[in-house]
């Protein structure tokens, strides 16, 4: 049986959270990888790994937030 309840529209705070969390994930993981590269002299491998980890975590954060906001009712 389909769910016919109206969905809550995303608010400005939801979009702010998504943008901020994506930026922090990518920049933080990339900076962590860069710092480890500088410390361990493995440039650029850990930087790339950190960026990949940051991108994956940003996508997962967005998916979780979108699913959570689409399941909420007003």
PDB file of N, CA and C in Angstrom:
ATOM      1  N   UNK A   1       0.844  -1.168   0.000  1.00  0.00           N
ATOM      2  CA  UNK A   1       0.000   0.000   0.000  1.00  0.00           C
ATOM      3  C   UNK A   1       0.894   1.238   0.000  1.00  0.00           C
ATOM      4  N   UNK A   2       0.728   2.142  -0.968  1.00  0.00           N
ATOM      5  CA  UNK A   2       1.586   3.323  -1.038  1.00  0.00           C
ATOM      6  C   UNK A   2       1.320   4.296   0.102  1.00  0.00           C
ATOM      7  N   UNK A   3       2.363   4.960   0.500  1.00  0.00           N
ATOM      8  CA  UNK A   3       2.271   5.940   1.571  1.00  0.00           C
ATOM      9  C   UNK A   3       1.859   7.280   0.966  1.00  0.00           C
ATOM     10  N   UNK A   4       0.657   7.752   1.267  1.00  0.00           N
ATOM     11  CA  UNK A   4       0.143   8.987   0.685  1.00  0.00           C
ATOM     12  C   UNK A   4       0.264  10.192   1.605  1.00  0.00           C
ATOM     13  N   UNK A   5       1.019  10.079   2.665  1.00  0.00           N
ATOM     14  CA  UNK A   5       1.187  11.219   3.560  1.00  0.00           C
ATOM     15  C   UNK A   5       2.087  12.251   2.894  1.00  0.00           C
ATOM     16  N   UNK A   6       1.816  13.522   3.099  1.00  0.00           N
ATOM     17  CA  UNK A   6       2.644  14.558   2.478  1.00  0.00           C
ATOM     18  C   UNK A   6       4.051  14.562   3.074  1.00  0.00           C
ATOM     19  N   UNK A   7       5.012  14.820   2.243  1.00  0.00           N
ATOM     20  CA  UNK A   7       6.417  14.857   2.677  1.00  0.00           C
ATOM     21  C   UNK A   7       6.797  16.266   3.101  1.00  0.00           C
ATOM     22  N   UNK A   8       7.646  16.353   4.082  1.00  0.00           N
ATOM     23  CA  UNK A   8       8.150  17.653   4.515  1.00  0.00           C
ATOM     24  C   UNK A   8       9.172  18.151   3.500  1.00  0.00           C
ATOM     25  N   UNK A   9       9.092  19.415   3.175  1.00  0.00           N
ATOM     26  CA  UNK A   9      10.053  20.010   2.251  1.00  0.00           C
ATOM     27  C   UNK A   9      11.351  20.298   2.996  1.00  0.00           C
ATOM     28  N   UNK A  10      12.481  20.122   2.318  1.00  0.00           N
ATOM     29  CA  UNK A  10      13.749  20.443   2.979  1.00  0.00           C
ATOM     30  C   UNK A  10      13.824  21.941   3.274  1.00  0.00           C
ATOM     31  N   UNK A  11      14.421  22.262   4.372  1.00  0.00           N
ATOM     32  CA  UNK A  11      14.551  23.654   4.785  1.00  0.00           C
ATOM     33  C   UNK A  11      15.965  24.139   4.516  1.00  0.00           C
ATOM     34  N   UNK A  12      16.179  25.417   4.716  1.00  0.00           N
ATOM     35  CA  UNK A  12      17.487  26.015   4.465  1.00  0.00           C
ATOM     36  C   UNK A  12      18.567  25.373   5.334  1.00  0.00           C
ATOM     37  N   UNK A  13      18.232  25.029   6.559  1.00  0.00           N
ATOM     38  CA  UNK A  13      19.195  24.382   7.449  1.00  0.00           C
ATOM     39  C   UNK A  13      19.642  23.026   6.937  1.00  0.00           C
ATOM     40  N   UNK A  14      18.739  22.302   6.279  1.00  0.00           N
ATOM     41  CA  UNK A  14      19.106  21.012   5.696  1.00  0.00           C
ATOM     42  C   UNK A  14      20.150  21.188   4.601  1.00  0.00           C
ATOM     43  N   UNK A  15      19.939  22.187   3.740  1.00  0.00           N
ATOM     44  CA  UNK A  15      20.895  22.443   2.669  1.00  0.00           C
ATOM     45  C   UNK A  15      22.223  22.945   3.211  1.00  0.00           C
ATOM     46  N   UNK A  16      22.168  23.768   4.254  1.00  0.00           N
ATOM     47  CA  UNK A  16      23.402  24.246   4.884  1.00  0.00           C
ATOM     48  C   UNK A  16      24.189  23.087   5.481  1.00  0.00           C
ATOM     49  N   UNK A  17      23.483  22.169   6.136  1.00  0.00           N
ATOM     50  CA  UNK A  17      24.145  21.002   6.711  1.00  0.00           C
ATOM     51  C   UNK A  17      24.799  20.152   5.622  1.00  0.00           C
ATOM     52  N   UNK A  18      24.084  19.927   4.517  1.00  0.00           N
ATOM     53  CA  UNK A  18      24.640  19.119   3.435  1.00  0.00           C
ATOM     54  C   UNK A  18      25.896  19.757   2.851  1.00  0.00           C
ATOM     55  N   UNK A  19      25.821  21.041   2.560  1.00  0.00           N
ATOM     56  CA  UNK A  19      26.981  21.722   1.974  1.00  0.00           C
ATOM     57  C   UNK A  19      28.173  21.754   2.904  1.00  0.00           C
ATOM     58  N   UNK A  20      27.915  22.062   4.157  1.00  0.00           N
ATOM     59  CA  UNK A  20      28.999  22.134   5.134  1.00  0.00           C
ATOM     60  C   UNK A  20      29.619  20.771   5.383  1.00  0.00           C
ATOM     61  N   UNK A  21      28.779  19.753   5.528  1.00  0.00           N
ATOM     62  CA  UNK A  21      29.324  18.423   5.808  1.00  0.00           C
ATOM     63  C   UNK A  21      30.113  17.882   4.617  1.00  0.00           C
ATOM     64  N   UNK A  22      29.667  18.163   3.401  1.00  0.00           N
ATOM     65  CA  UNK A  22      30.425  17.727   2.224  1.00  0.00           C
ATOM     66  C   UNK A  22      31.784  18.424   2.165  1.00  0.00           C
ATOM     67  N   UNK A  23      31.777  19.724   2.389  1.00  0.00           N
ATOM     68  CA  UNK A  23      33.031  20.478   2.331  1.00  0.00           C
ATOM     69  C   UNK A  23      34.003  20.035   3.419  1.00  0.00           C
ATOM     70  N   UNK A  24      33.507  19.867   4.623  1.00  0.00           N
ATOM     71  CA  UNK A  24      34.373  19.464   5.738  1.00  0.00           C
ATOM     72  C   UNK A  24      34.914  18.049   5.512  1.00  0.00           C
ATOM     73  N   UNK A  25      34.074  17.164   4.985  1.00  0.00           N
ATOM     74  CA  UNK A  25      34.519  15.790   4.739  1.00  0.00           C
ATOM     75  C   UNK A  25      35.656  15.743   3.719  1.00  0.00           C
ATOM     76  N   UNK A  26      35.456  16.416   2.597  1.00  0.00           N
ATOM     77  CA  UNK A  26      36.462  16.362   1.520  1.00  0.00           C
ATOM     78  C   UNK A  26      37.734  17.106   1.927  1.00  0.00           C
ATOM     79  N   UNK A  27      37.587  18.308   2.445  1.00  0.00           N
ATOM     80  CA  UNK A  27      38.762  19.103   2.811  1.00  0.00           C
ATOM     81  C   UNK A  27      39.492  18.477   3.998  1.00  0.00           C
ATOM     82  N   UNK A  28      38.748  18.016   4.989  1.00  0.00           N
ATOM     83  CA  UNK A  28      39.389  17.416   6.166  1.00  0.00           C
ATOM     84  C   UNK A  28      40.141  16.142   5.851  1.00  0.00           C
ATOM     85  N   UNK A  29      39.519  15.255   5.081  1.00  0.00           N
ATOM     86  CA  UNK A  29      40.197  14.009   4.739  1.00  0.00           C
ATOM     87  C   UNK A  29      41.374  14.265   3.791  1.00  0.00           C
ATOM     88  N   UNK A  30      41.199  15.200   2.868  1.00  0.00           N
ATOM     89  CA  UNK A  30      42.309  15.538   1.965  1.00  0.00           C
ATOM     90  C   UNK A  30      43.479  16.156   2.711  1.00  0.00           C
ATOM     91  N   UNK A  31      43.171  17.037   3.662  1.00  0.00           N
ATOM     92  CA  UNK A  31      44.233  17.647   4.465  1.00  0.00           C
ATOM     93  C   UNK A  31      44.912  16.615   5.354  1.00  0.00           C
ATOM     94  N   UNK A  32      44.132  15.693   5.895  1.00  0.00           N
ATOM     95  CA  UNK A  32      44.734  14.621   6.693  1.00  0.00           C
ATOM     96  C   UNK A  32      45.661  13.749   5.859  1.00  0.00           C
ATOM     97  N   UNK A  33      45.227  13.416   4.649  1.00  0.00           N
ATOM     98  CA  UNK A  33      46.084  12.641   3.750  1.00  0.00           C
ATOM     99  C   UNK A  33      47.334  13.403   3.359  1.00  0.00           C
ATOM    100  N   UNK A  34      47.181  14.700   3.127  1.00  0.00           N
ATOM    101  CA  UNK A  34      48.342  15.527   2.776  1.00  0.00           C
ATOM    102  C   UNK A  34      49.335  15.595   3.934  1.00  0.00           C
ATOM    103  N   UNK A  35      48.800  15.753   5.152  1.00  0.00           N
ATOM    104  CA  UNK A  35      49.673  15.785   6.330  1.00  0.00           C
ATOM    105  C   UNK A  35      50.405  14.474   6.530  1.00  0.00           C
ATOM    106  N   UNK A  36      49.706  13.356   6.342  1.00  0.00           N
ATOM    107  CA  UNK A  36      50.369  12.054   6.454  1.00  0.00           C
ATOM    108  C   UNK A  36      51.404  11.857   5.352  1.00  0.00           C
ATOM    109  N   UNK A  37      51.100  12.343   4.145  1.00  0.00           N
ATOM    110  CA  UNK A  37      52.087  12.268   3.059  1.00  0.00           C
ATOM    111  C   UNK A  37      53.354  13.042   3.399  1.00  0.00           C
ATOM    112  N   UNK A  38      53.184  14.232   3.956  1.00  0.00           N
ATOM    113  CA  UNK A  38      54.346  15.035   4.321  1.00  0.00           C
ATOM    114  C   UNK A  38      55.160  14.360   5.425  1.00  0.00           C
ATOM    115  N   UNK A  39      54.467  13.707   6.341  1.00  0.00           N
ATOM    116  CA  UNK A  39      55.149  13.071   7.460  1.00  0.00           C
ATOM    117  C   UNK A  39      55.834  11.771   7.042  1.00  0.00           C
ATOM    118  N   UNK A  40      55.165  10.980   6.201  1.00  0.00           N
ATOM    119  CA  UNK A  40      55.690   9.670   5.807  1.00  0.00           C
ATOM    120  C   UNK A  40      56.421   9.679   4.465  1.00  0.00           C
ATOM    121  N   UNK A  41      56.462  10.827   3.790  1.00  0.00           N
ATOM    122  CA  UNK A  41      57.135  10.967   2.489  1.00  0.00           C
ATOM    123  C   UNK A  41      56.584   9.974   1.457  1.00  0.00           C
ATOM    124  N   UNK A  42      55.280   9.904   1.345  1.00  0.00           N
ATOM    125  CA  UNK A  42      54.641   8.995   0.387  1.00  0.00           C
ATOM    126  C   UNK A  42      53.826   9.763  -0.648  1.00  0.00           C
ATOM    127  N   UNK A  43      54.160  11.018  -0.861  1.00  0.00           N
ATOM    128  CA  UNK A  43      53.403  11.884  -1.763  1.00  0.00           C
ATOM    129  C   UNK A  43      53.226  11.233  -3.121  1.00  0.00           C
ATOM    130  N   UNK A  44      52.088  11.259  -3.732  1.00  0.00           N
ATOM    131  CA  UNK A  44      50.769  11.819  -3.427  1.00  0.00           C
ATOM    132  C   UNK A  44      49.758  10.767  -3.004  1.00  0.00           C
ATOM    133  N   UNK A  45      50.202   9.580  -2.631  1.00  0.00           N
ATOM    134  CA  UNK A  45      49.282   8.447  -2.455  1.00  0.00           C
ATOM    135  C   UNK A  45      48.282   8.633  -1.320  1.00  0.00           C
ATOM    136  N   UNK A  46      48.727   9.080  -0.178  1.00  0.00           N
ATOM    137  CA  UNK A  46      47.797   9.251   0.934  1.00  0.00           C
ATOM    138  C   UNK A  46      46.896  10.463   0.735  1.00  0.00           C
ATOM    139  N   UNK A  47      47.363  11.451  -0.023  1.00  0.00           N
ATOM    140  CA  UNK A  47      46.488  12.572  -0.363  1.00  0.00           C
ATOM    141  C   UNK A  47      45.325  12.091  -1.210  1.00  0.00           C
ATOM    142  N   UNK A  48      45.614  11.276  -2.220  1.00  0.00           N
ATOM    143  CA  UNK A  48      44.552  10.718  -3.062  1.00  0.00           C
ATOM    144  C   UNK A  48      43.619   9.818  -2.258  1.00  0.00           C
ATOM    145  N   UNK A  49      44.190   9.023  -1.375  1.00  0.00           N
ATOM    146  CA  UNK A  49      43.358   8.144  -0.545  1.00  0.00           C
ATOM    147  C   UNK A  49      42.474   8.974   0.385  1.00  0.00           C
ATOM    148  N   UNK A  50      43.012  10.031   0.958  1.00  0.00           N
ATOM    149  CA  UNK A  50      42.224  10.898   1.824  1.00  0.00           C
ATOM    150  C   UNK A  50      41.110  11.596   1.065  1.00  0.00           C
ATOM    151  N   UNK A  51      41.411  12.064  -0.148  1.00  0.00           N
ATOM    152  CA  UNK A  51      40.369  12.701  -0.953  1.00  0.00           C
ATOM    153  C   UNK A  51      39.277  11.702  -1.332  1.00  0.00           C
ATOM    154  N   UNK A  52      39.677  10.485  -1.696  1.00  0.00           N
ATOM    155  CA  UNK A  52      38.681   9.464  -2.042  1.00  0.00           C
ATOM    156  C   UNK A  52      37.807   9.140  -0.830  1.00  0.00           C
ATOM    157  N   UNK A  53      38.415   9.005   0.324  1.00  0.00           N
ATOM    158  CA  UNK A  53      37.659   8.750   1.544  1.00  0.00           C
ATOM    159  C   UNK A  53      36.711   9.906   1.846  1.00  0.00           C
ATOM    160  N   UNK A  54      37.168  11.128   1.674  1.00  0.00           N
ATOM    161  CA  UNK A  54      36.329  12.295   1.917  1.00  0.00           C
ATOM    162  C   UNK A  54      35.152  12.374   0.968  1.00  0.00           C
ATOM    163  N   UNK A  55      35.371  12.043  -0.298  1.00  0.00           N
ATOM    164  CA  UNK A  55      34.286  12.076  -1.283  1.00  0.00           C
ATOM    165  C   UNK A  55      33.251  11.005  -0.961  1.00  0.00           C
ATOM    166  N   UNK A  56      33.714   9.808  -0.633  1.00  0.00           N
ATOM    167  CA  UNK A  56      32.788   8.725  -0.297  1.00  0.00           C
ATOM    168  C   UNK A  56      31.996   9.078   0.958  1.00  0.00           C
ATOM    169  N   UNK A  57      32.654   9.618   1.969  1.00  0.00           N
ATOM    170  CA  UNK A  57      31.930   9.964   3.194  1.00  0.00           C
ATOM    171  C   UNK A  57      30.951  11.109   2.949  1.00  0.00           C
ATOM    172  N   UNK A  58      31.282  12.059   2.072  1.00  0.00           N
ATOM    173  CA  UNK A  58      30.355  13.149   1.759  1.00  0.00           C
ATOM    174  C   UNK A  58      29.115  12.625   1.047  1.00  0.00           C
ATOM    175  N   UNK A  59      29.302  11.698   0.119  1.00  0.00           N
ATOM    176  CA  UNK A  59      28.157  11.111  -0.580  1.00  0.00           C
ATOM    177  C   UNK A  59      27.279  10.344   0.398  1.00  0.00           C
ATOM    178  N   UNK A  60      27.882   9.568   1.284  1.00  0.00           N
ATOM    179  CA  UNK A  60      27.102   8.807   2.250  1.00  0.00           C
ATOM    180  C   UNK A  60      26.356   9.724   3.220  1.00  0.00           C
ATOM    181  N   UNK A  61      26.976  10.807   3.646  1.00  0.00           N
ATOM    182  CA  UNK A  61      26.290  11.769   4.504  1.00  0.00           C
ATOM    183  C   UNK A  61      25.084  12.372   3.791  1.00  0.00           C
ATOM    184  N   UNK A  62      25.248  12.699   2.516  1.00  0.00           N
ATOM    185  CA  UNK A  62      24.125  13.254   1.745  1.00  0.00           C
ATOM    186  C   UNK A  62      23.000  12.244   1.601  1.00  0.00           C
ATOM    187  N   UNK A  63      23.338  11.003   1.318  1.00  0.00           N
ATOM    188  CA  UNK A  63      22.312   9.978   1.146  1.00  0.00           C
ATOM    189  C   UNK A  63      21.543   9.777   2.449  1.00  0.00           C
ATOM    190  N   UNK A  64      22.245   9.704   3.560  1.00  0.00           N
ATOM    191  CA  UNK A  64      21.583   9.511   4.851  1.00  0.00           C
ATOM    192  C   UNK A  64      20.680  10.700   5.166  1.00  0.00           C
ATOM    193  N   UNK A  65      21.163  11.917   4.944  1.00  0.00           N
ATOM    194  CA  UNK A  65      20.363  13.103   5.251  1.00  0.00           C
ATOM    195  C   UNK A  65      19.143  13.204   4.340  1.00  0.00           C
ATOM    196  N   UNK A  66      19.287  12.888   3.077  1.00  0.00           N
ATOM    197  CA  UNK A  66      18.157  12.953   2.151  1.00  0.00           C
ATOM    198  C   UNK A  66      17.121  11.898   2.501  1.00  0.00           C
ATOM    199  N   UNK A  67      17.560  10.694   2.824  1.00  0.00           N
ATOM    200  CA  UNK A  67      16.603   9.660   3.218  1.00  0.00           C
ATOM    201  C   UNK A  67      15.891  10.020   4.515  1.00  0.00           C
ATOM    202  N   UNK A  68      16.617  10.617   5.443  1.00  0.00           N
ATOM    203  CA  UNK A  68      16.016  10.999   6.712  1.00  0.00           C
ATOM    204  C   UNK A  68      14.987  12.112   6.514  1.00  0.00           C
ATOM    205  N   UNK A  69      15.295  13.085   5.657  1.00  0.00           N
ATOM    206  CA  UNK A  69      14.354  14.182   5.457  1.00  0.00           C
ATOM    207  C   UNK A  69      13.169  13.762   4.602  1.00  0.00           C
ATOM    208  N   UNK A  70      13.344  12.759   3.726  1.00  0.00           N
ATOM    209  CA  UNK A  70      12.220  12.334   2.903  1.00  0.00           C
ATOM    210  C   UNK A  70      11.268  11.411   3.669  1.00  0.00           C
ATOM    211  N   UNK A  71      11.737  10.822   4.760  1.00  0.00           N
ATOM    212  CA  UNK A  71      10.878   9.945   5.563  1.00  0.00           C
ATOM    213  C   UNK A  71      10.141  10.682   6.672  1.00  0.00           C
ATOM    214  N   UNK A  72      10.504  11.924   6.909  1.00  0.00           N
ATOM    215  CA  UNK A  72       9.846  12.672   7.979  1.00  0.00           C
ATOM    216  C   UNK A  72       8.529  13.245   7.482  1.00  0.00           C
ATOM    217  N   UNK A  73       7.595  13.386   8.397  1.00  0.00           N
ATOM    218  CA  UNK A  73       6.308  13.972   8.051  1.00  0.00           C
ATOM    219  C   UNK A  73       6.190  15.332   8.722  1.00  0.00           C
ATOM    220  N   UNK A  74       5.402  16.230   8.163  1.00  0.00           N
ATOM    221  CA  UNK A  74       5.296  17.579   8.743  1.00  0.00           C
ATOM    222  C   UNK A  74       4.621  17.596  10.095  1.00  0.00           C
TER     223      UNK A  74
END
